[in-house]
């Protein structure tokens, strides 16, 4: 008979190693504007799920979509400006 405690120990055995590193947290922090823009776009799209979008809804979705594209562009420009040591690209 297997005990639940044994399974729990196996599942949580790697919990200390599963913490994000400082570099991963920095990467997430730099993507926060994109994440928030995508949440706004999703919110604008959810509003129109149960009805036909009116002109205001269409404008809200279009603006949210443009904010997502701008945030993606900022991240792409930021990461393309980073140079690696040793001259590698």
PDB file of N, CA and C in Angstrom:
ATOM      1  N   UNK A   1       0.844  -1.167   0.000  1.00  0.00           N
ATOM      2  CA  UNK A   1       0.000   0.000   0.000  1.00  0.00           C
ATOM      3  C   UNK A   1       0.896   1.239   0.000  1.00  0.00           C
ATOM      4  N   UNK A   2       0.624   2.173  -0.919  1.00  0.00           N
ATOM      5  CA  UNK A   2       1.378   3.416  -0.995  1.00  0.00           C
ATOM      6  C   UNK A   2       0.709   4.476  -0.131  1.00  0.00           C
ATOM      7  N   UNK A   3       1.513   5.214   0.584  1.00  0.00           N
ATOM      8  CA  UNK A   3       0.988   6.277   1.426  1.00  0.00           C
ATOM      9  C   UNK A   3       1.075   7.611   0.696  1.00  0.00           C
ATOM     10  N   UNK A   4       0.151   8.482   1.004  1.00  0.00           N
ATOM     11  CA  UNK A   4       0.128   9.807   0.383  1.00  0.00           C
ATOM     12  C   UNK A   4       1.377  10.599   0.776  1.00  0.00           C
ATOM     13  N   UNK A   5       1.868  10.411   1.976  1.00  0.00           N
ATOM     14  CA  UNK A   5       3.054  11.135   2.444  1.00  0.00           C
ATOM     15  C   UNK A   5       4.238  10.841   1.532  1.00  0.00           C
ATOM     16  N   UNK A   6       4.383   9.626   1.099  1.00  0.00           N
ATOM     17  CA  UNK A   6       5.486   9.261   0.218  1.00  0.00           C
ATOM     18  C   UNK A   6       5.367  10.000  -1.108  1.00  0.00           C
ATOM     19  N   UNK A   7       4.177  10.081  -1.648  1.00  0.00           N
ATOM     20  CA  UNK A   7       3.953  10.791  -2.903  1.00  0.00           C
ATOM     21  C   UNK A   7       4.209  12.278  -2.702  1.00  0.00           C
ATOM     22  N   UNK A   8       3.758  12.827  -1.592  1.00  0.00           N
ATOM     23  CA  UNK A   8       3.960  14.242  -1.329  1.00  0.00           C
ATOM     24  C   UNK A   8       5.450  14.558  -1.215  1.00  0.00           C
ATOM     25  N   UNK A   9       6.204  13.698  -0.539  1.00  0.00           N
ATOM     26  CA  UNK A   9       7.643  13.913  -0.434  1.00  0.00           C
ATOM     27  C   UNK A   9       8.296  13.896  -1.807  1.00  0.00           C
ATOM     28  N   UNK A  10       7.845  13.030  -2.666  1.00  0.00           N
ATOM     29  CA  UNK A  10       8.407  12.953  -4.010  1.00  0.00           C
ATOM     30  C   UNK A  10       8.066  14.196  -4.824  1.00  0.00           C
ATOM     31  N   UNK A  11       6.885  14.723  -4.641  1.00  0.00           N
ATOM     32  CA  UNK A  11       6.470  15.903  -5.404  1.00  0.00           C
ATOM     33  C   UNK A  11       7.182  17.147  -4.908  1.00  0.00           C
ATOM     34  N   UNK A  12       7.299  17.313  -3.599  1.00  0.00           N
ATOM     35  CA  UNK A  12       7.894  18.526  -3.049  1.00  0.00           C
ATOM     36  C   UNK A  12       9.392  18.409  -2.818  1.00  0.00           C
ATOM     37  N   UNK A  13       9.989  17.319  -3.220  1.00  0.00           N
ATOM     38  CA  UNK A  13      11.420  17.134  -2.988  1.00  0.00           C
ATOM     39  C   UNK A  13      12.246  18.156  -3.751  1.00  0.00           C
ATOM     40  N   UNK A  14      11.768  18.600  -4.897  1.00  0.00           N
ATOM     41  CA  UNK A  14      12.529  19.520  -5.731  1.00  0.00           C
ATOM     42  C   UNK A  14      12.056  20.964  -5.590  1.00  0.00           C
ATOM     43  N   UNK A  15      11.256  21.282  -4.598  1.00  0.00           N
ATOM     44  CA  UNK A  15      10.705  22.616  -4.453  1.00  0.00           C
ATOM     45  C   UNK A  15      11.795  23.666  -4.272  1.00  0.00           C
ATOM     46  N   UNK A  16      12.855  23.365  -3.540  1.00  0.00           N
ATOM     47  CA  UNK A  16      13.922  24.340  -3.340  1.00  0.00           C
ATOM     48  C   UNK A  16      14.658  24.652  -4.638  1.00  0.00           C
ATOM     49  N   UNK A  17      14.727  23.693  -5.528  1.00  0.00           N
ATOM     50  CA  UNK A  17      15.443  23.888  -6.779  1.00  0.00           C
ATOM     51  C   UNK A  17      14.565  24.523  -7.854  1.00  0.00           C
ATOM     52  N   UNK A  18      13.290  24.674  -7.599  1.00  0.00           N
ATOM     53  CA  UNK A  18      12.356  25.179  -8.593  1.00  0.00           C
ATOM     54  C   UNK A  18      12.197  26.695  -8.530  1.00  0.00           C
ATOM     55  N   UNK A  19      12.885  27.360  -7.622  1.00  0.00           N
ATOM     56  CA  UNK A  19      12.777  28.807  -7.496  1.00  0.00           C
ATOM     57  C   UNK A  19      13.418  29.482  -8.700  1.00  0.00           C
ATOM     58  N   UNK A  20      12.834  30.583  -9.182  1.00  0.00           N
ATOM     59  CA  UNK A  20      13.444  31.280 -10.322  1.00  0.00           C
ATOM     60  C   UNK A  20      14.745  31.967  -9.905  1.00  0.00           C
ATOM     61  N   UNK A  21      15.652  32.029 -10.835  1.00  0.00           N
ATOM     62  CA  UNK A  21      16.928  32.692 -10.574  1.00  0.00           C
ATOM     63  C   UNK A  21      16.748  34.198 -10.708  1.00  0.00           C
ATOM     64  N   UNK A  22      17.751  34.942 -10.312  1.00  0.00           N
ATOM     65  CA  UNK A  22      17.691  36.402 -10.427  1.00  0.00           C
ATOM     66  C   UNK A  22      17.587  36.820 -11.898  1.00  0.00           C
ATOM     67  N   UNK A  23      18.274  36.117 -12.767  1.00  0.00           N
ATOM     68  CA  UNK A  23      18.221  36.437 -14.197  1.00  0.00           C
ATOM     69  C   UNK A  23      16.819  36.201 -14.755  1.00  0.00           C
ATOM     70  N   UNK A  24      16.178  35.117 -14.330  1.00  0.00           N
ATOM     71  CA  UNK A  24      14.816  34.845 -14.789  1.00  0.00           C
ATOM     72  C   UNK A  24      13.840  35.896 -14.274  1.00  0.00           C
ATOM     73  N   UNK A  25      14.013  36.323 -13.027  1.00  0.00           N
ATOM     74  CA  UNK A  25      13.150  37.373 -12.481  1.00  0.00           C
ATOM     75  C   UNK A  25      13.350  38.694 -13.212  1.00  0.00           C
ATOM     76  N   UNK A  26      14.594  39.007 -13.590  1.00  0.00           N
ATOM     77  CA  UNK A  26      14.863  40.224 -14.354  1.00  0.00           C
ATOM     78  C   UNK A  26      14.211  40.154 -15.736  1.00  0.00           C
ATOM     79  N   UNK A  27      14.263  38.981 -16.359  1.00  0.00           N
ATOM     80  CA  UNK A  27      13.631  38.824 -17.675  1.00  0.00           C
ATOM     81  C   UNK A  27      12.124  39.001 -17.578  1.00  0.00           C
ATOM     82  N   UNK A  28      11.527  38.465 -16.532  1.00  0.00           N
ATOM     83  CA  UNK A  28      10.080  38.628 -16.330  1.00  0.00           C
ATOM     84  C   UNK A  28       9.746  40.092 -16.100  1.00  0.00           C
ATOM     85  N   UNK A  29      10.566  40.763 -15.308  1.00  0.00           N
ATOM     86  CA  UNK A  29      10.311  42.174 -15.012  1.00  0.00           C
ATOM     87  C   UNK A  29      10.390  43.027 -16.275  1.00  0.00           C
ATOM     88  N   UNK A  30      11.293  42.686 -17.179  1.00  0.00           N
ATOM     89  CA  UNK A  30      11.392  43.451 -18.420  1.00  0.00           C
ATOM     90  C   UNK A  30      10.215  43.178 -19.349  1.00  0.00           C
ATOM     91  N   UNK A  31       9.544  42.045 -19.183  1.00  0.00           N
ATOM     92  CA  UNK A  31       8.396  41.710 -20.020  1.00  0.00           C
ATOM     93  C   UNK A  31       7.065  42.161 -19.416  1.00  0.00           C
ATOM     94  N   UNK A  32       7.084  42.788 -18.260  1.00  0.00           N
ATOM     95  CA  UNK A  32       5.853  43.219 -17.595  1.00  0.00           C
ATOM     96  C   UNK A  32       4.998  44.125 -18.491  1.00  0.00           C
ATOM     97  N   UNK A  33       5.578  45.117 -19.204  1.00  0.00           N
ATOM     98  CA  UNK A  33       4.718  45.940 -20.075  1.00  0.00           C
ATOM     99  C   UNK A  33       3.980  45.115 -21.137  1.00  0.00           C
ATOM    100  N   UNK A  34       4.650  44.115 -21.697  1.00  0.00           N
ATOM    101  CA  UNK A  34       4.008  43.249 -22.687  1.00  0.00           C
ATOM    102  C   UNK A  34       2.915  42.413 -22.035  1.00  0.00           C
ATOM    103  N   UNK A  35       3.182  41.879 -20.874  1.00  0.00           N
ATOM    104  CA  UNK A  35       2.184  41.060 -20.181  1.00  0.00           C
ATOM    105  C   UNK A  35       0.943  41.882 -19.875  1.00  0.00           C
ATOM    106  N   UNK A  36       1.135  43.110 -19.380  1.00  0.00           N
ATOM    107  CA  UNK A  36      -0.008  43.964 -19.058  1.00  0.00           C
ATOM    108  C   UNK A  36      -0.779  44.357 -20.319  1.00  0.00           C
ATOM    109  N   UNK A  37      -0.058  44.619 -21.409  1.00  0.00           N
ATOM    110  CA  UNK A  37      -0.731  44.956 -22.670  1.00  0.00           C
ATOM    111  C   UNK A  37      -1.545  43.770 -23.183  1.00  0.00           C
ATOM    112  N   UNK A  38      -1.004  42.567 -23.044  1.00  0.00           N
ATOM    113  CA  UNK A  38      -1.742  41.377 -23.481  1.00  0.00           C
ATOM    114  C   UNK A  38      -2.965  41.128 -22.604  1.00  0.00           C
ATOM    115  N   UNK A  39      -2.857  41.434 -21.317  1.00  0.00           N
ATOM    116  CA  UNK A  39      -4.014  41.295 -20.425  1.00  0.00           C
ATOM    117  C   UNK A  39      -5.100  42.281 -20.826  1.00  0.00           C
ATOM    118  N   UNK A  40      -4.711  43.520 -21.165  1.00  0.00           N
ATOM    119  CA  UNK A  40      -5.693  44.509 -21.616  1.00  0.00           C
ATOM    120  C   UNK A  40      -6.377  44.063 -22.906  1.00  0.00           C
ATOM    121  N   UNK A  41      -5.596  43.507 -23.834  1.00  0.00           N
ATOM    122  CA  UNK A  41      -6.174  43.014 -25.083  1.00  0.00           C
ATOM    123  C   UNK A  41      -7.136  41.873 -24.814  1.00  0.00           C
ATOM    124  N   UNK A  42      -6.750  40.970 -23.959  1.00  0.00           N
ATOM    125  CA  UNK A  42      -7.626  39.850 -23.621  1.00  0.00           C
ATOM    126  C   UNK A  42      -8.914  40.344 -22.969  1.00  0.00           C
ATOM    127  N   UNK A  43      -8.799  41.324 -22.090  1.00  0.00           N
ATOM    128  CA  UNK A  43      -9.988  41.899 -21.452  1.00  0.00           C
ATOM    129  C   UNK A  43     -10.919  42.537 -22.469  1.00  0.00           C
ATOM    130  N   UNK A  44     -10.344  43.249 -23.441  1.00  0.00           N
ATOM    131  CA  UNK A  44     -11.164  43.874 -24.477  1.00  0.00           C
ATOM    132  C   UNK A  44     -11.835  42.817 -25.348  1.00  0.00           C
ATOM    133  N   UNK A  45     -11.157  41.714 -25.595  1.00  0.00           N
ATOM    134  CA  UNK A  45     -11.748  40.654 -26.407  1.00  0.00           C
ATOM    135  C   UNK A  45     -12.814  39.892 -25.640  1.00  0.00           C
ATOM    136  N   UNK A  46     -12.623  39.709 -24.347  1.00  0.00           N
ATOM    137  CA  UNK A  46     -13.605  38.988 -23.536  1.00  0.00           C
ATOM    138  C   UNK A  46     -14.926  39.739 -23.484  1.00  0.00           C
ATOM    139  N   UNK A  47     -14.864  41.063 -23.452  1.00  0.00           N
ATOM    140  CA  UNK A  47     -16.083  41.872 -23.399  1.00  0.00           C
ATOM    141  C   UNK A  47     -16.975  41.590 -24.602  1.00  0.00           C
ATOM    142  N   UNK A  48     -16.366  41.278 -25.725  1.00  0.00           N
ATOM    143  CA  UNK A  48     -17.144  41.106 -26.956  1.00  0.00           C
ATOM    144  C   UNK A  48     -17.533  39.658 -27.237  1.00  0.00           C
ATOM    145  N   UNK A  49     -17.299  38.752 -26.298  1.00  0.00           N
ATOM    146  CA  UNK A  49     -17.619  37.350 -26.549  1.00  0.00           C
ATOM    147  C   UNK A  49     -19.111  37.085 -26.669  1.00  0.00           C
ATOM    148  N   UNK A  50     -19.910  37.760 -25.883  1.00  0.00           N
ATOM    149  CA  UNK A  50     -21.336  37.448 -25.858  1.00  0.00           C
ATOM    150  C   UNK A  50     -22.185  38.461 -26.613  1.00  0.00           C
ATOM    151  N   UNK A  51     -21.553  39.316 -27.382  1.00  0.00           N
ATOM    152  CA  UNK A  51     -22.320  40.285 -28.161  1.00  0.00           C
ATOM    153  C   UNK A  51     -21.519  40.688 -29.392  1.00  0.00           C
ATOM    154  N   UNK A  52     -22.193  41.320 -30.301  1.00  0.00           N
ATOM    155  CA  UNK A  52     -21.537  41.828 -31.497  1.00  0.00           C
ATOM    156  C   UNK A  52     -20.778  43.099 -31.108  1.00  0.00           C
ATOM    157  N   UNK A  53     -19.486  43.186 -31.436  1.00  0.00           N
ATOM    158  CA  UNK A  53     -18.716  44.369 -31.039  1.00  0.00           C
ATOM    159  C   UNK A  53     -19.236  45.631 -31.722  1.00  0.00           C
ATOM    160  N   UNK A  54     -19.428  46.665 -30.914  1.00  0.00           N
ATOM    161  CA  UNK A  54     -19.815  47.950 -31.493  1.00  0.00           C
ATOM    162  C   UNK A  54     -18.546  48.730 -31.838  1.00  0.00           C
ATOM    163  N   UNK A  55     -18.710  49.946 -32.284  1.00  0.00           N
ATOM    164  CA  UNK A  55     -17.568  50.733 -32.731  1.00  0.00           C
ATOM    165  C   UNK A  55     -16.574  51.005 -31.592  1.00  0.00           C
ATOM    166  N   UNK A  56     -17.093  51.251 -30.402  1.00  0.00           N
ATOM    167  CA  UNK A  56     -16.220  51.487 -29.250  1.00  0.00           C
ATOM    168  C   UNK A  56     -15.416  50.230 -28.902  1.00  0.00           C
ATOM    169  N   UNK A  57     -16.062  49.073 -28.962  1.00  0.00           N
ATOM    170  CA  UNK A  57     -15.357  47.811 -28.701  1.00  0.00           C
ATOM    171  C   UNK A  57     -14.248  47.578 -29.722  1.00  0.00           C
ATOM    172  N   UNK A  58     -14.552  47.828 -30.978  1.00  0.00           N
ATOM    173  CA  UNK A  58     -13.557  47.646 -32.030  1.00  0.00           C
ATOM    174  C   UNK A  58     -12.361  48.575 -31.816  1.00  0.00           C
ATOM    175  N   UNK A  59     -12.652  49.809 -31.435  1.00  0.00           N
ATOM    176  CA  UNK A  59     -11.584  50.770 -31.181  1.00  0.00           C
ATOM    177  C   UNK A  59     -10.745  50.345 -29.982  1.00  0.00           C
ATOM    178  N   UNK A  60     -11.394  49.847 -28.926  1.00  0.00           N
ATOM    179  CA  UNK A  60     -10.680  49.392 -27.731  1.00  0.00           C
ATOM    180  C   UNK A  60      -9.776  48.204 -28.065  1.00  0.00           C
ATOM    181  N   UNK A  61     -10.275  47.263 -28.855  1.00  0.00           N
ATOM    182  CA  UNK A  61      -9.466  46.105 -29.254  1.00  0.00           C
ATOM    183  C   UNK A  61      -8.296  46.545 -30.128  1.00  0.00           C
ATOM    184  N   UNK A  62      -8.552  47.446 -31.055  1.00  0.00           N
ATOM    185  CA  UNK A  62      -7.493  47.923 -31.944  1.00  0.00           C
ATOM    186  C   UNK A  62      -6.392  48.634 -31.158  1.00  0.00           C
ATOM    187  N   UNK A  63      -6.780  49.481 -30.205  1.00  0.00           N
ATOM    188  CA  UNK A  63      -5.782  50.185 -29.391  1.00  0.00           C
ATOM    189  C   UNK A  63      -5.002  49.216 -28.511  1.00  0.00           C
ATOM    190  N   UNK A  64      -5.684  48.242 -27.931  1.00  0.00           N
ATOM    191  CA  UNK A  64      -5.000  47.251 -27.098  1.00  0.00           C
ATOM    192  C   UNK A  64      -4.035  46.429 -27.945  1.00  0.00           C
ATOM    193  N   UNK A  65      -4.449  46.082 -29.146  1.00  0.00           N
ATOM    194  CA  UNK A  65      -3.581  45.331 -30.052  1.00  0.00           C
ATOM    195  C   UNK A  65      -2.351  46.151 -30.413  1.00  0.00           C
ATOM    196  N   UNK A  66      -2.534  47.436 -30.656  1.00  0.00           N
ATOM    197  CA  UNK A  66      -1.399  48.304 -30.962  1.00  0.00           C
ATOM    198  C   UNK A  66      -0.445  48.425 -29.768  1.00  0.00           C
ATOM    199  N   UNK A  67      -0.983  48.431 -28.547  1.00  0.00           N
ATOM    200  CA  UNK A  67      -0.124  48.472 -27.361  1.00  0.00           C
ATOM    201  C   UNK A  67       0.692  47.180 -27.239  1.00  0.00           C
ATOM    202  N   UNK A  68       0.082  46.049 -27.588  1.00  0.00           N
ATOM    203  CA  UNK A  68       0.813  44.773 -27.561  1.00  0.00           C
ATOM    204  C   UNK A  68       1.943  44.807 -28.578  1.00  0.00           C
ATOM    205  N   UNK A  69       1.653  45.287 -29.778  1.00  0.00           N
ATOM    206  CA  UNK A  69       2.688  45.348 -30.805  1.00  0.00           C
ATOM    207  C   UNK A  69       3.810  46.297 -30.404  1.00  0.00           C
ATOM    208  N   UNK A  70       3.467  47.430 -29.801  1.00  0.00           N
ATOM    209  CA  UNK A  70       4.490  48.379 -29.357  1.00  0.00           C
ATOM    210  C   UNK A  70       5.356  47.773 -28.252  1.00  0.00           C
ATOM    211  N   UNK A  71       4.749  47.054 -27.331  1.00  0.00           N
ATOM    212  CA  UNK A  71       5.508  46.422 -26.254  1.00  0.00           C
ATOM    213  C   UNK A  71       6.425  45.338 -26.815  1.00  0.00           C
ATOM    214  N   UNK A  72       5.940  44.577 -27.780  1.00  0.00           N
ATOM    215  CA  UNK A  72       6.794  43.554 -28.411  1.00  0.00           C
ATOM    216  C   UNK A  72       7.959  44.194 -29.144  1.00  0.00           C
ATOM    217  N   UNK A  73       7.687  45.314 -29.817  1.00  0.00           N
ATOM    218  CA  UNK A  73       8.741  46.022 -30.526  1.00  0.00           C
ATOM    219  C   UNK A  73       9.806  46.525 -29.556  1.00  0.00           C
ATOM    220  N   UNK A  74       9.375  47.069 -28.419  1.00  0.00           N
ATOM    221  CA  UNK A  74      10.318  47.554 -27.413  1.00  0.00           C
ATOM    222  C   UNK A  74      11.204  46.428 -26.902  1.00  0.00           C
ATOM    223  N   UNK A  75      10.604  45.283 -26.632  1.00  0.00           N
ATOM    224  CA  UNK A  75      11.390  44.140 -26.142  1.00  0.00           C
ATOM    225  C   UNK A  75      12.358  43.661 -27.212  1.00  0.00           C
ATOM    226  N   UNK A  76      11.904  43.596 -28.450  1.00  0.00           N
ATOM    227  CA  UNK A  76      12.775  43.145 -29.540  1.00  0.00           C
ATOM    228  C   UNK A  76      13.926  44.119 -29.744  1.00  0.00           C
ATOM    229  N   UNK A  77      13.647  45.412 -29.687  1.00  0.00           N
ATOM    230  CA  UNK A  77      14.713  46.399 -29.854  1.00  0.00           C
ATOM    231  C   UNK A  77      15.685  46.359 -28.686  1.00  0.00           C
ATOM    232  N   UNK A  78      15.181  46.121 -27.505  1.00  0.00           N
ATOM    233  CA  UNK A  78      16.037  46.063 -26.314  1.00  0.00           C
ATOM    234  C   UNK A  78      16.962  44.854 -26.375  1.00  0.00           C
ATOM    235  N   UNK A  79      16.423  43.710 -26.807  1.00  0.00           N
ATOM    236  CA  UNK A  79      17.243  42.502 -26.839  1.00  0.00           C
ATOM    237  C   UNK A  79      18.194  42.492 -28.032  1.00  0.00           C
ATOM    238  N   UNK A  80      17.859  43.174 -29.117  1.00  0.00           N
ATOM    239  CA  UNK A  80      18.771  43.212 -30.263  1.00  0.00           C
ATOM    240  C   UNK A  80      19.925  44.164 -30.009  1.00  0.00           C
ATOM    241  N   UNK A  81      19.757  45.105 -29.085  1.00  0.00           N
ATOM    242  CA  UNK A  81      20.836  46.031 -28.762  1.00  0.00           C
ATOM    243  C   UNK A  81      21.848  45.430 -27.806  1.00  0.00           C
ATOM    244  N   UNK A  82      21.514  44.312 -27.194  1.00  0.00           N
ATOM    245  CA  UNK A  82      22.421  43.664 -26.248  1.00  0.00           C
ATOM    246  C   UNK A  82      23.496  42.915 -27.030  1.00  0.00           C
ATOM    247  N   UNK A  83      24.757  43.139 -26.661  1.00  0.00           N
ATOM    248  CA  UNK A  83      25.840  42.420 -27.317  1.00  0.00           C
ATOM    249  C   UNK A  83      26.408  41.399 -26.352  1.00  0.00           C
ATOM    250  N   UNK A  84      26.817  40.302 -26.891  1.00  0.00           N
ATOM    251  CA  UNK A  84      27.380  39.223 -26.091  1.00  0.00           C
ATOM    252  C   UNK A  84      28.884  39.409 -25.973  1.00  0.00           C
ATOM    253  N   UNK A  85      29.472  38.985 -24.856  1.00  0.00           N
ATOM    254  CA  UNK A  85      30.929  39.106 -24.715  1.00  0.00           C
ATOM    255  C   UNK A  85      31.653  38.237 -25.723  1.00  0.00           C
ATOM    256  N   UNK A  86      32.828  38.702 -26.129  1.00  0.00           N
ATOM    257  CA  UNK A  86      33.619  37.934 -27.075  1.00  0.00           C
ATOM    258  C   UNK A  86      33.269  38.229 -28.523  1.00  0.00           C
ATOM    259  N   UNK A  87      32.386  39.182 -28.762  1.00  0.00           N
ATOM    260  CA  UNK A  87      32.015  39.550 -30.117  1.00  0.00           C
ATOM    261  C   UNK A  87      31.027  38.628 -30.767  1.00  0.00           C
ATOM    262  N   UNK A  88      30.485  37.678 -30.026  1.00  0.00           N
ATOM    263  CA  UNK A  88      29.488  36.774 -30.607  1.00  0.00           C
ATOM    264  C   UNK A  88      28.166  37.515 -30.754  1.00  0.00           C
ATOM    265  N   UNK A  89      27.412  37.167 -31.768  1.00  0.00           N
ATOM    266  CA  UNK A  89      26.140  37.851 -31.992  1.00  0.00           C
ATOM    267  C   UNK A  89      24.983  36.950 -31.743  1.00  0.00           C
TER     268      UNK A  89
END
